C-alpha atoms as a PDB file:
ATOM      1  CA  UNK A   1      85.235 102.873  73.665  1.00  0.00           C
ATOM      2  CA  UNK A   2      86.053 106.002  75.229  1.00  0.00           C
ATOM      3  CA  UNK A   3      88.050 106.923  78.299  1.00  0.00           C
ATOM      4  CA  UNK A   4      87.113 110.156  80.163  1.00  0.00           C
ATOM      5  CA  UNK A   5      88.143 111.881  83.568  1.00  0.00           C
ATOM      6  CA  UNK A   6      85.265 112.461  86.173  1.00  0.00           C
ATOM      7  CA  UNK A   7      85.468 114.515  89.172  1.00  0.00           C
ATOM      8  CA  UNK A   8      83.116 113.956  91.941  1.00  0.00           C
ATOM      9  CA  UNK A   9      82.685 116.371  95.116  1.00  0.00           C
ATOM     10  CA  UNK A  10      80.820 114.669  97.851  1.00  0.00           C
ATOM     11  CA  UNK A  11      80.611 114.250 101.605  1.00  0.00           C
ATOM     12  CA  UNK A  12      82.443 111.838 102.675  1.00  0.00           C
ATOM     13  CA  UNK A  13      81.003 108.441 104.142  1.00  0.00           C
ATOM     14  CA  UNK A  14      81.223 105.028 104.437  1.00  0.00           C
ATOM     15  CA  UNK A  15      79.928 103.107 101.167  1.00  0.00           C
ATOM     16  CA  UNK A  16      80.480 106.378  98.856  1.00  0.00           C
ATOM     17  CA  UNK A  17      83.011 104.604  96.716  1.00  0.00           C
ATOM     18  CA  UNK A  18      80.709 101.623  96.534  1.00  0.00           C
ATOM     19  CA  UNK A  19      77.899 103.526  95.432  1.00  0.00           C
ATOM     20  CA  UNK A  20      79.670 105.712  92.731  1.00  0.00           C
ATOM     21  CA  UNK A  21      81.276 102.243  91.636  1.00  0.00           C
ATOM     22  CA  UNK A  22      77.921 100.801  91.409  1.00  0.00           C
ATOM     23  CA  UNK A  23      76.679 103.614  89.193  1.00  0.00           C
ATOM     24  CA  UNK A  24      79.860 103.345  86.663  1.00  0.00           C
ATOM     25  CA  UNK A  25      79.100  99.694  86.397  1.00  0.00           C
ATOM     26  CA  UNK A  26      75.280 100.100  85.801  1.00  0.00           C
ATOM     27  CA  UNK A  27      76.484 102.201  82.971  1.00  0.00           C
ATOM     28  CA  UNK A  28      78.465  99.822  81.320  1.00  0.00           C
ATOM     29  CA  UNK A  29      81.587 101.383  82.123  1.00  0.00           C
ATOM     30  CA  UNK A  30      85.053 100.363  84.107  1.00  0.00           C
ATOM     31  CA  UNK A  31      87.019 102.315  86.289  1.00  0.00           C
ATOM     32  CA  UNK A  32      90.805 102.511  85.208  1.00  0.00           C
ATOM     33  CA  UNK A  33      92.087 104.612  87.838  1.00  0.00           C
ATOM     34  CA  UNK A  34      91.219 106.276  90.899  1.00  0.00           C
ATOM     35  CA  UNK A  35      92.251 108.670  93.412  1.00  0.00           C
ATOM     36  CA  UNK A  36      90.067 109.656  96.573  1.00  0.00           C
ATOM     37  CA  UNK A  37      90.946 112.678  98.546  1.00  0.00           C
ATOM     38  CA  UNK A  38      89.444 111.934 102.205  1.00  0.00           C
ATOM     39  CA  UNK A  39      88.295 114.674 104.140  1.00  0.00           C
ATOM     40  CA  UNK A  40      84.998 116.017 105.449  1.00  0.00           C
ATOM     41  CA  UNK A  41      84.449 116.998 101.708  1.00  0.00           C
ATOM     42  CA  UNK A  42      85.735 114.461  99.393  1.00  0.00           C
ATOM     43  CA  UNK A  43      87.340 114.867  96.133  1.00  0.00           C
ATOM     44  CA  UNK A  44      87.281 111.431  93.916  1.00  0.00           C
ATOM     45  CA  UNK A  45      89.089 111.713  90.590  1.00  0.00           C
ATOM     46  CA  UNK A  46      88.236 108.804  88.436  1.00  0.00           C
ATOM     47  CA  UNK A  47      89.415 107.829  84.604  1.00  0.00           C
ATOM     48  CA  UNK A  48      86.509 105.485  83.326  1.00  0.00           C
ATOM     49  CA  UNK A  49      86.118 103.761  79.811  1.00  0.00           C
ATOM     50  CA  UNK A  50      83.662 102.097  78.204  1.00  0.00           C
ATOM     51  CA  UNK A  51      80.952 102.278  75.649  1.00  0.00           C
ATOM     52  CA  UNK A  52      78.294 104.567  77.972  1.00  0.00           C
ATOM     53  CA  UNK A  53      76.468 107.938  77.696  1.00  0.00           C
ATOM     54  CA  UNK A  54      78.572 110.477  79.375  1.00  0.00           C
ATOM     55  CA  UNK A  55      75.894 112.931  80.373  1.00  0.00           C
ATOM     56  CA  UNK A  56      73.649 109.886  81.626  1.00  0.00           C
ATOM     57  CA  UNK A  57      76.244 108.646  83.685  1.00  0.00           C
ATOM     58  CA  UNK A  58      77.141 112.262  85.532  1.00  0.00           C
ATOM     59  CA  UNK A  59      73.421 112.612  86.039  1.00  0.00           C
ATOM     60  CA  UNK A  60      73.324 109.159  87.487  1.00  0.00           C
ATOM     61  CA  UNK A  61      76.341 109.911  89.867  1.00  0.00           C
ATOM     62  CA  UNK A  62      74.880 113.173  91.014  1.00  0.00           C
ATOM     63  CA  UNK A  63      72.074 111.361  92.607  1.00  0.00           C
ATOM     64  CA  UNK A  64      74.329 109.472  94.864  1.00  0.00           C
ATOM     65  CA  UNK A  65      73.730 110.303  98.490  1.00  0.00           C
ATOM     66  CA  UNK A  66      76.234 112.916  99.388  1.00  0.00           C
ATOM     67  CA  UNK A  67      77.517 114.154  95.911  1.00  0.00           C
ATOM     68  CA  UNK A  68      77.572 117.790  95.734  1.00  0.00           C
ATOM     69  CA  UNK A  69      79.137 118.078  92.047  1.00  0.00           C
ATOM     70  CA  UNK A  70      80.184 115.822  88.921  1.00  0.00           C
ATOM     71  CA  UNK A  71      82.372 117.364  86.511  1.00  0.00           C
ATOM     72  CA  UNK A  72      83.953 115.735  83.332  1.00  0.00           C
ATOM     73  CA  UNK A  73      87.685 116.441  81.980  1.00  0.00           C
ATOM     74  CA  UNK A  74      90.080 114.561  79.559  1.00  0.00           C
ATOM     75  CA  UNK A  75      91.592 111.398  81.360  1.00  0.00           C
ATOM     76  CA  UNK A  76      94.688 111.351  83.453  1.00  0.00           C
ATOM     77  CA  UNK A  77      96.266 109.154  81.248  1.00  0.00           C
ATOM     78  CA  UNK A  78      95.848 111.184  78.197  1.00  0.00           C
ATOM     79  CA  UNK A  79      96.968 114.474  79.836  1.00  0.00           C
ATOM     80  CA  UNK A  80      99.934 113.283  81.618  1.00  0.00           C
ATOM     81  CA  UNK A  81     100.535 109.818  79.903  1.00  0.00           C
ATOM     82  CA  UNK A  82     103.252 107.323  80.777  1.00  0.00           C
ATOM     83  CA  UNK A  83     105.458 108.281  83.869  1.00  0.00           C
ATOM     84  CA  UNK A  84     109.323 108.151  84.487  1.00  0.00           C
ATOM     85  CA  UNK A  85     109.947 107.727  87.780  1.00  0.00           C
ATOM     86  CA  UNK A  86     113.588 108.665  89.247  1.00  0.00           C
ATOM     87  CA  UNK A  87     114.686 107.771  92.494  1.00  0.00           C
ATOM     88  CA  UNK A  88     118.015 108.233  94.520  1.00  0.00           C
ATOM     89  CA  UNK A  89     120.450 111.007  95.613  1.00  0.00           C
ATOM     90  CA  UNK A  90     119.421 114.565  94.758  1.00  0.00           C
ATOM     91  CA  UNK A  91     122.364 115.428  92.610  1.00  0.00           C
ATOM     92  CA  UNK A  92     122.167 112.294  90.505  1.00  0.00           C
ATOM     93  CA  UNK A  93     118.582 112.702  90.420  1.00  0.00           C
ATOM     94  CA  UNK A  94     118.559 116.125  89.119  1.00  0.00           C
ATOM     95  CA  UNK A  95     120.985 115.348  86.203  1.00  0.00           C
ATOM     96  CA  UNK A  96     118.694 112.116  85.425  1.00  0.00           C
ATOM     97  CA  UNK A  97     115.837 114.463  85.059  1.00  0.00           C
ATOM     98  CA  UNK A  98     117.797 116.754  83.076  1.00  0.00           C
ATOM     99  CA  UNK A  99     118.247 113.983  80.091  1.00  0.00           C
ATOM    100  CA  UNK A 100     114.406 112.615  80.773  1.00  0.00           C
ATOM    101  CA  UNK A 101     112.830 115.930  80.315  1.00  0.00           C
ATOM    102  CA  UNK A 102     114.664 116.982  77.490  1.00  0.00           C
ATOM    103  CA  UNK A 103     114.119 113.906  75.600  1.00  0.00           C
ATOM    104  CA  UNK A 104     110.481 113.682  76.925  1.00  0.00           C
ATOM    105  CA  UNK A 105     110.024 117.117  75.420  1.00  0.00           C
ATOM    106  CA  UNK A 106     111.313 115.712  72.073  1.00  0.00           C
ATOM    107  CA  UNK A 107     108.590 113.253  71.934  1.00  0.00           C
ATOM    108  CA  UNK A 108     105.972 114.782  73.522  1.00  0.00           C
ATOM    109  CA  UNK A 109     106.123 117.619  70.518  1.00  0.00           C
ATOM    110  CA  UNK A 110     105.393 114.459  67.996  1.00  0.00           C
ATOM    111  CA  UNK A 111     102.284 113.400  70.094  1.00  0.00           C
ATOM    112  CA  UNK A 112     103.670 111.336  73.266  1.00  0.00           C
ATOM    113  CA  UNK A 113     102.508 112.080  76.483  1.00  0.00           C
ATOM    114  CA  UNK A 114     105.352 111.480  79.009  1.00  0.00           C
ATOM    115  CA  UNK A 115     106.086 112.788  82.372  1.00  0.00           C
ATOM    116  CA  UNK A 116     108.850 112.776  85.099  1.00  0.00           C
ATOM    117  CA  UNK A 117     108.413 112.172  88.571  1.00  0.00           C
ATOM    118  CA  UNK A 118     111.153 112.333  91.479  1.00  0.00           C
ATOM    119  CA  UNK A 119     112.179 111.715  94.784  1.00  0.00           C
ATOM    120  CA  UNK A 120     115.487 112.055  96.501  1.00  0.00           C
ATOM    121  CA  UNK A 121     116.070 109.645  99.166  1.00  0.00           C
ATOM    122  CA  UNK A 122     118.490 108.582 101.358  1.00  0.00           C
ATOM    123  CA  UNK A 123     118.734 105.366 103.488  1.00  0.00           C
ATOM    124  CA  UNK A 124     118.437 101.516 102.562  1.00  0.00           C
ATOM    125  CA  UNK A 125     115.270 101.129 104.018  1.00  0.00           C
ATOM    126  CA  UNK A 126     113.239 104.292 102.434  1.00  0.00           C
ATOM    127  CA  UNK A 127     114.879 103.520  99.197  1.00  0.00           C
ATOM    128  CA  UNK A 128     113.713  99.873  99.158  1.00  0.00           C
ATOM    129  CA  UNK A 129     110.087 101.093  99.952  1.00  0.00           C
ATOM    130  CA  UNK A 130     110.101 103.602  97.104  1.00  0.00           C
ATOM    131  CA  UNK A 131     111.127 101.099  94.916  1.00  0.00           C
ATOM    132  CA  UNK A 132     108.481  98.535  95.810  1.00  0.00           C
ATOM    133  CA  UNK A 133     105.651 101.335  95.735  1.00  0.00           C
ATOM    134  CA  UNK A 134     106.428 102.105  92.213  1.00  0.00           C
ATOM    135  CA  UNK A 135     104.457  99.036  91.145  1.00  0.00           C
ATOM    136  CA  UNK A 136     101.304 100.759  92.765  1.00  0.00           C
ATOM    137  CA  UNK A 137     101.986 104.157  91.150  1.00  0.00           C
ATOM    138  CA  UNK A 138      99.306 104.946  88.209  1.00  0.00           C
ATOM    139  CA  UNK A 139     101.061 104.873  84.589  1.00  0.00           C
ATOM    140  CA  UNK A 140     104.342 104.171  86.050  1.00  0.00           C
ATOM    141  CA  UNK A 141     106.207 102.610  82.971  1.00  0.00           C
ATOM    142  CA  UNK A 142     109.990 102.877  83.858  1.00  0.00           C
ATOM    143  CA  UNK A 143     111.971 103.431  87.024  1.00  0.00           C
ATOM    144  CA  UNK A 144     115.488 104.875  87.193  1.00  0.00           C
ATOM    145  CA  UNK A 145     117.765 104.417  90.287  1.00  0.00           C
ATOM    146  CA  UNK A 146     120.153 107.545  90.472  1.00  0.00           C
ATOM    147  CA  UNK A 147     122.937 107.084  93.327  1.00  0.00           C
ATOM    148  CA  UNK A 148     126.335 106.228  94.377  1.00  0.00           C
ATOM    149  CA  UNK A 149     125.688 102.930  96.142  1.00  0.00           C
ATOM    150  CA  UNK A 150     122.730 100.671  96.259  1.00  0.00           C
ATOM    151  CA  UNK A 151     122.351  97.138  97.472  1.00  0.00           C
ATOM    152  CA  UNK A 152     120.732  94.747  99.820  1.00  0.00           C
ATOM    153  CA  UNK A 153     117.103  95.302 100.335  1.00  0.00           C
ATOM    154  CA  UNK A 154     116.991  97.667  97.430  1.00  0.00           C
ATOM    155  CA  UNK A 155     118.300  94.919  95.344  1.00  0.00           C
ATOM    156  CA  UNK A 156     115.601  92.785  96.517  1.00  0.00           C
ATOM    157  CA  UNK A 157     112.921  95.340  95.895  1.00  0.00           C
ATOM    158  CA  UNK A 158     114.142  95.912  92.324  1.00  0.00           C
ATOM    159  CA  UNK A 159     113.765  92.071  91.672  1.00  0.00           C
ATOM    160  CA  UNK A 160     110.080  92.065  92.975  1.00  0.00           C
ATOM    161  CA  UNK A 161     109.157  95.180  90.837  1.00  0.00           C
ATOM    162  CA  UNK A 162     110.556  93.592  87.822  1.00  0.00           C
ATOM    163  CA  UNK A 163     108.987  90.119  88.745  1.00  0.00           C
ATOM    164  CA  UNK A 164     105.763  91.298  89.937  1.00  0.00           C
ATOM    165  CA  UNK A 165     104.674  94.459  88.010  1.00  0.00           C
ATOM    166  CA  UNK A 166     107.208  93.975  84.879  1.00  0.00           C
ATOM    167  CA  UNK A 167     108.232  97.599  85.123  1.00  0.00           C
ATOM    168  CA  UNK A 168     111.745  97.776  83.795  1.00  0.00           C
ATOM    169  CA  UNK A 169     114.448  99.571  85.609  1.00  0.00           C
ATOM    170  CA  UNK A 170     117.574 101.684  84.611  1.00  0.00           C
ATOM    171  CA  UNK A 171     120.280 102.132  87.018  1.00  0.00           C
ATOM    172  CA  UNK A 172     123.487 104.330  87.044  1.00  0.00           C
ATOM    173  CA  UNK A 173     127.056 102.633  87.324  1.00  0.00           C
ATOM    174  CA  UNK A 174     127.178 102.640  91.003  1.00  0.00           C
ATOM    175  CA  UNK A 175     128.595 100.522  93.682  1.00  0.00           C
ATOM    176  CA  UNK A 176     126.523  97.633  95.317  1.00  0.00           C
ATOM    177  CA  UNK A 177     124.528  94.847  93.891  1.00  0.00           C
ATOM    178  CA  UNK A 178     121.592  96.911  92.563  1.00  0.00           C
ATOM    179  CA  UNK A 179     123.414  96.843  89.100  1.00  0.00           C
ATOM    180  CA  UNK A 180     123.392  93.168  88.741  1.00  0.00           C
ATOM    181  CA  UNK A 181     119.476  93.127  89.139  1.00  0.00           C
ATOM    182  CA  UNK A 182     118.286  96.042  86.641  1.00  0.00           C
ATOM    183  CA  UNK A 183     117.546  95.827  83.242  1.00  0.00           C
ATOM    184  CA  UNK A 184     120.279  98.227  81.890  1.00  0.00           C
ATOM    185  CA  UNK A 185     123.203 100.048  83.534  1.00  0.00           C
ATOM    186  CA  UNK A 186     124.299 103.759  82.451  1.00  0.00           C
ATOM    187  CA  UNK A 187     127.384 105.516  83.313  1.00  0.00           C
ATOM    188  CA  UNK A 188     126.409 108.937  82.503  1.00  0.00           C
ATOM    189  CA  UNK A 189     123.089 110.250  84.302  1.00  0.00           C
ATOM    190  CA  UNK A 190     121.845 112.322  81.536  1.00  0.00           C
ATOM    191  CA  UNK A 191     122.071 109.473  79.209  1.00  0.00           C
ATOM    192  CA  UNK A 192     120.210 107.457  81.582  1.00  0.00           C
ATOM    193  CA  UNK A 193     117.288 109.990  81.693  1.00  0.00           C
ATOM    194  CA  UNK A 194     117.383 109.908  77.785  1.00  0.00           C
ATOM    195  CA  UNK A 195     117.485 106.156  77.527  1.00  0.00           C
ATOM    196  CA  UNK A 196     114.688 105.710  80.033  1.00  0.00           C
ATOM    197  CA  UNK A 197     112.332 107.903  78.007  1.00  0.00           C
ATOM    198  CA  UNK A 198     113.309 106.274  74.710  1.00  0.00           C
ATOM    199  CA  UNK A 199     112.733 102.993  76.061  1.00  0.00           C
ATOM    200  CA  UNK A 200     108.735 103.552  76.859  1.00  0.00           C
ATOM    201  CA  UNK A 201     108.424 106.038  73.997  1.00  0.00           C
ATOM    202  CA  UNK A 202     106.029 104.937  71.176  1.00  0.00           C
ATOM    203  CA  UNK A 203     107.844 107.352  68.732  1.00  0.00           C
ATOM    204  CA  UNK A 204     111.321 105.833  69.679  1.00  0.00           C
ATOM    205  CA  UNK A 205     112.740 102.460  68.135  1.00  0.00           C
ATOM    206  CA  UNK A 206     114.979 101.612  71.444  1.00  0.00           C
ATOM    207  CA  UNK A 207     114.101  98.234  72.862  1.00  0.00           C
ATOM    208  CA  UNK A 208     115.468  98.084  76.234  1.00  0.00           C
ATOM    209  CA  UNK A 209     115.022  94.162  76.239  1.00  0.00           C
ATOM    210  CA  UNK A 210     117.947  94.024  73.316  1.00  0.00           C
ATOM    211  CA  UNK A 211     120.355  95.976  75.630  1.00  0.00           C
ATOM    212  CA  UNK A 212     119.523  93.879  78.885  1.00  0.00           C
ATOM    213  CA  UNK A 213     122.370  93.261  80.995  1.00  0.00           C
ATOM    214  CA  UNK A 214     124.545  95.805  78.896  1.00  0.00           C
ATOM    215  CA  UNK A 215     126.653  98.351  80.826  1.00  0.00           C
ATOM    216  CA  UNK A 216     126.780 101.793  78.946  1.00  0.00           C
END
């Protein structure tokens, strides 16, 4: 079994994704992730896995109506790996990222691939929406909530994310009920970023489930 990345450039039309998926299925492969940039000329980026003939698959995709080019690359998972998602207020997010990037670098030079993504947001509704959307993000392995006060709908969103998608959540020690719904509460934002990376790194020994419900 191998996983490769495939980029298809094609004239967008109804049924394009269906026809591409049919070629991939006929080759005995499976689509692990897909990103479709819809426009008059569409770019479709896919990670495809299976015991397949890569060149034969590309030739088959090139025959699909509207396709102008097909290229192969390493899979997105192998390039960017696991993702740490940081959501919250700008200043707190920046400090969490400082710790996460520093720790990710330590593990990535030992063979890991861990990336850090952020979005500073203000407002309960926007934050709750972002938390729920983490479950739909490819390769998202852990969420860090970085703010001064979070509760209400955000707390419910955290519970939904942990229940429905098994994504662990780390929170800064803050005002509001969200600290009662997460896996780990950390007072120092830099340390929170470090521990989030350690929780998902294969080259670390930290087990977040053993620290569950603790406040550090």
